[in-house]
Amino acid sequence: MIVPLTIEAIKNEWGETWGVEKTHNMYKTMFLCEEKANYRTGEIIKIPKSTTQNTTIEQEDFHNQCRQFLREWFNVEAPLPNEEIIFE
């Protein structure tokens, strides 16, 4: 539910149409990446990891970070698993 809500929020706030893959990749880049260092230059790059490598706890931490971003940037509450969305 997080990705569809984010797609809708991006459309409403930024006027941009994003797909599922782009939105999911944004979250992986922000919150689920591995840092690789070039020890000669001191530069660091971030490589997104696959969510399939996460444990259940790691996946829930990732989802919580995504929910927090959605709340802070777009003022949108993403439901927890098994919660209903109530539209007013």
C-alpha atoms as a PDB file:
ATOM      1  CA  MET A   1       0.000   0.000   0.000  1.00  0.00           C
ATOM      2  CA  ILE A   2       2.953   2.334   0.566  1.00  0.00           C
ATOM      3  CA  VAL A   3       4.042   2.526  -3.081  1.00  0.00           C
ATOM      4  CA  PRO A   4       0.560   3.273  -4.519  1.00  0.00           C
ATOM      5  CA  LEU A   5       0.017   5.974  -1.885  1.00  0.00           C
ATOM      6  CA  THR A   6       3.394   7.464  -2.749  1.00  0.00           C
ATOM      7  CA  ILE A   7       2.616   7.425  -6.470  1.00  0.00           C
ATOM      8  CA  GLU A   8      -0.624   9.284  -5.771  1.00  0.00           C
ATOM      9  CA  ALA A   9       1.121  11.777  -3.463  1.00  0.00           C
ATOM     10  CA  ILE A  10       3.834  12.481  -6.051  1.00  0.00           C
ATOM     11  CA  LYS A  11       1.143  13.057  -8.688  1.00  0.00           C
ATOM     12  CA  ASN A  12      -0.783  15.423  -6.393  1.00  0.00           C
ATOM     13  CA  GLU A  13       2.190  17.341  -4.996  1.00  0.00           C
ATOM     14  CA  TRP A  14       4.733  17.327  -7.805  1.00  0.00           C
ATOM     15  CA  GLY A  15       2.464  16.840 -10.813  1.00  0.00           C
ATOM     16  CA  GLU A  16       4.580  13.893 -11.938  1.00  0.00           C
ATOM     17  CA  THR A  17       3.469  10.411 -12.946  1.00  0.00           C
ATOM     18  CA  TRP A  18       5.726   7.755 -11.472  1.00  0.00           C
ATOM     19  CA  GLY A  19       5.467   4.006 -11.912  1.00  0.00           C
ATOM     20  CA  VAL A  20       5.789   1.292  -9.304  1.00  0.00           C
ATOM     21  CA  GLU A  21       9.387   0.440 -10.184  1.00  0.00           C
ATOM     22  CA  LYS A  22      10.629   4.041 -10.050  1.00  0.00           C
ATOM     23  CA  THR A  23       8.857   4.653  -6.741  1.00  0.00           C
ATOM     24  CA  HIS A  24      10.154   1.432  -5.211  1.00  0.00           C
ATOM     25  CA  ASN A  25      13.679   2.218  -6.432  1.00  0.00           C
ATOM     26  CA  MET A  26      13.474   5.649  -4.790  1.00  0.00           C
ATOM     27  CA  TYR A  27      12.710   4.029  -1.451  1.00  0.00           C
ATOM     28  CA  LYS A  28      15.436   1.411  -1.879  1.00  0.00           C
ATOM     29  CA  THR A  29      17.978   4.113  -2.734  1.00  0.00           C
ATOM     30  CA  MET A  30      16.960   6.165   0.282  1.00  0.00           C
ATOM     31  CA  PHE A  31      16.596   3.459   2.909  1.00  0.00           C
ATOM     32  CA  LEU A  32      17.889   0.109   1.677  1.00  0.00           C
ATOM     33  CA  CYS A  33      21.323   0.533   0.235  1.00  0.00           C
ATOM     34  CA  GLU A  34      24.806  -0.736   0.702  1.00  0.00           C
ATOM     35  CA  GLU A  35      27.677   1.730   0.700  1.00  0.00           C
ATOM     36  CA  LYS A  36      30.763   1.000  -1.378  1.00  0.00           C
ATOM     37  CA  ALA A  37      33.910   3.018  -0.740  1.00  0.00           C
ATOM     38  CA  ASN A  38      36.743   3.878  -3.062  1.00  0.00           C
ATOM     39  CA  TYR A  39      39.603   3.828  -0.581  1.00  0.00           C
ATOM     40  CA  ARG A  40      41.924   5.731  -2.928  1.00  0.00           C
ATOM     41  CA  THR A  41      39.603   8.732  -3.320  1.00  0.00           C
ATOM     42  CA  GLY A  42      37.401   8.486  -0.233  1.00  0.00           C
ATOM     43  CA  GLU A  43      34.279   8.561  -2.408  1.00  0.00           C
ATOM     44  CA  ILE A  44      31.252   6.526  -1.389  1.00  0.00           C
ATOM     45  CA  ILE A  45      28.455   5.309  -3.617  1.00  0.00           C
ATOM     46  CA  LYS A  46      25.162   3.783  -2.534  1.00  0.00           C
ATOM     47  CA  ILE A  47      23.956   0.592  -4.196  1.00  0.00           C
ATOM     48  CA  PRO A  48      20.268  -0.282  -3.653  1.00  0.00           C
ATOM     49  CA  LYS A  49      19.725  -3.785  -2.272  1.00  0.00           C
ATOM     50  CA  SER A  50      16.854  -6.089  -3.103  1.00  0.00           C
ATOM     51  CA  THR A  51      14.044  -6.290  -0.580  1.00  0.00           C
ATOM     52  CA  THR A  52      14.049 -10.064  -1.087  1.00  0.00           C
ATOM     53  CA  GLN A  53      17.278 -10.204   0.947  1.00  0.00           C
ATOM     54  CA  ASN A  54      15.597  -8.659   4.010  1.00  0.00           C
ATOM     55  CA  THR A  55      14.589 -10.554   7.093  1.00  0.00           C
ATOM     56  CA  THR A  56      11.068  -9.922   8.356  1.00  0.00           C
ATOM     57  CA  ILE A  57      12.389  -7.399  10.870  1.00  0.00           C
ATOM     58  CA  GLU A  58      14.539  -5.631   8.266  1.00  0.00           C
ATOM     59  CA  GLN A  59      11.572  -5.438   5.894  1.00  0.00           C
ATOM     60  CA  GLU A  60       9.341  -3.921   8.567  1.00  0.00           C
ATOM     61  CA  ASP A  61      12.057  -1.381   9.429  1.00  0.00           C
ATOM     62  CA  PHE A  62      12.245  -0.499   5.726  1.00  0.00           C
ATOM     63  CA  HIS A  63       8.472  -0.081   5.544  1.00  0.00           C
ATOM     64  CA  ASN A  64       8.488   2.103   8.655  1.00  0.00           C
ATOM     65  CA  GLN A  65      11.101   4.385   7.075  1.00  0.00           C
ATOM     66  CA  CYS A  66       8.978   4.617   3.922  1.00  0.00           C
ATOM     67  CA  ARG A  67       5.847   5.423   5.961  1.00  0.00           C
ATOM     68  CA  GLN A  68       7.724   8.125   7.848  1.00  0.00           C
ATOM     69  CA  PHE A  69       8.979   9.691   4.604  1.00  0.00           C
ATOM     70  CA  LEU A  70       5.469   9.636   3.166  1.00  0.00           C
ATOM     71  CA  ARG A  71       4.109  11.301   6.303  1.00  0.00           C
ATOM     72  CA  GLU A  72       6.833  13.967   6.509  1.00  0.00           C
ATOM     73  CA  TRP A  73       7.032  14.896   2.828  1.00  0.00           C
ATOM     74  CA  PHE A  74       3.426  14.522   1.721  1.00  0.00           C
ATOM     75  CA  ASN A  75       1.390  14.452   4.957  1.00  0.00           C
ATOM     76  CA  VAL A  76       0.012  11.050   3.956  1.00  0.00           C
ATOM     77  CA  GLU A  77      -0.511   8.250   6.459  1.00  0.00           C
ATOM     78  CA  ALA A  78       0.215   4.777   5.119  1.00  0.00           C
ATOM     79  CA  PRO A  79      -1.615   2.035   6.993  1.00  0.00           C
ATOM     80  CA  LEU A  80       0.143  -0.731   8.829  1.00  0.00           C
ATOM     81  CA  PRO A  81      -0.388  -4.258   7.492  1.00  0.00           C
ATOM     82  CA  ASN A  82      -4.003  -5.383   7.991  1.00  0.00           C
ATOM     83  CA  GLU A  83      -5.219  -1.837   8.664  1.00  0.00           C
ATOM     84  CA  GLU A  84      -7.937  -0.256   6.571  1.00  0.00           C
ATOM     85  CA  ILE A  85      -7.624   3.075   4.848  1.00  0.00           C
ATOM     86  CA  ILE A  86     -10.510   5.321   5.787  1.00  0.00           C
ATOM     87  CA  PHE A  87     -11.235   8.076   3.297  1.00  0.00           C
ATOM     88  CA  GLU A  88     -13.057  11.066   4.649  1.00  0.00           C
END
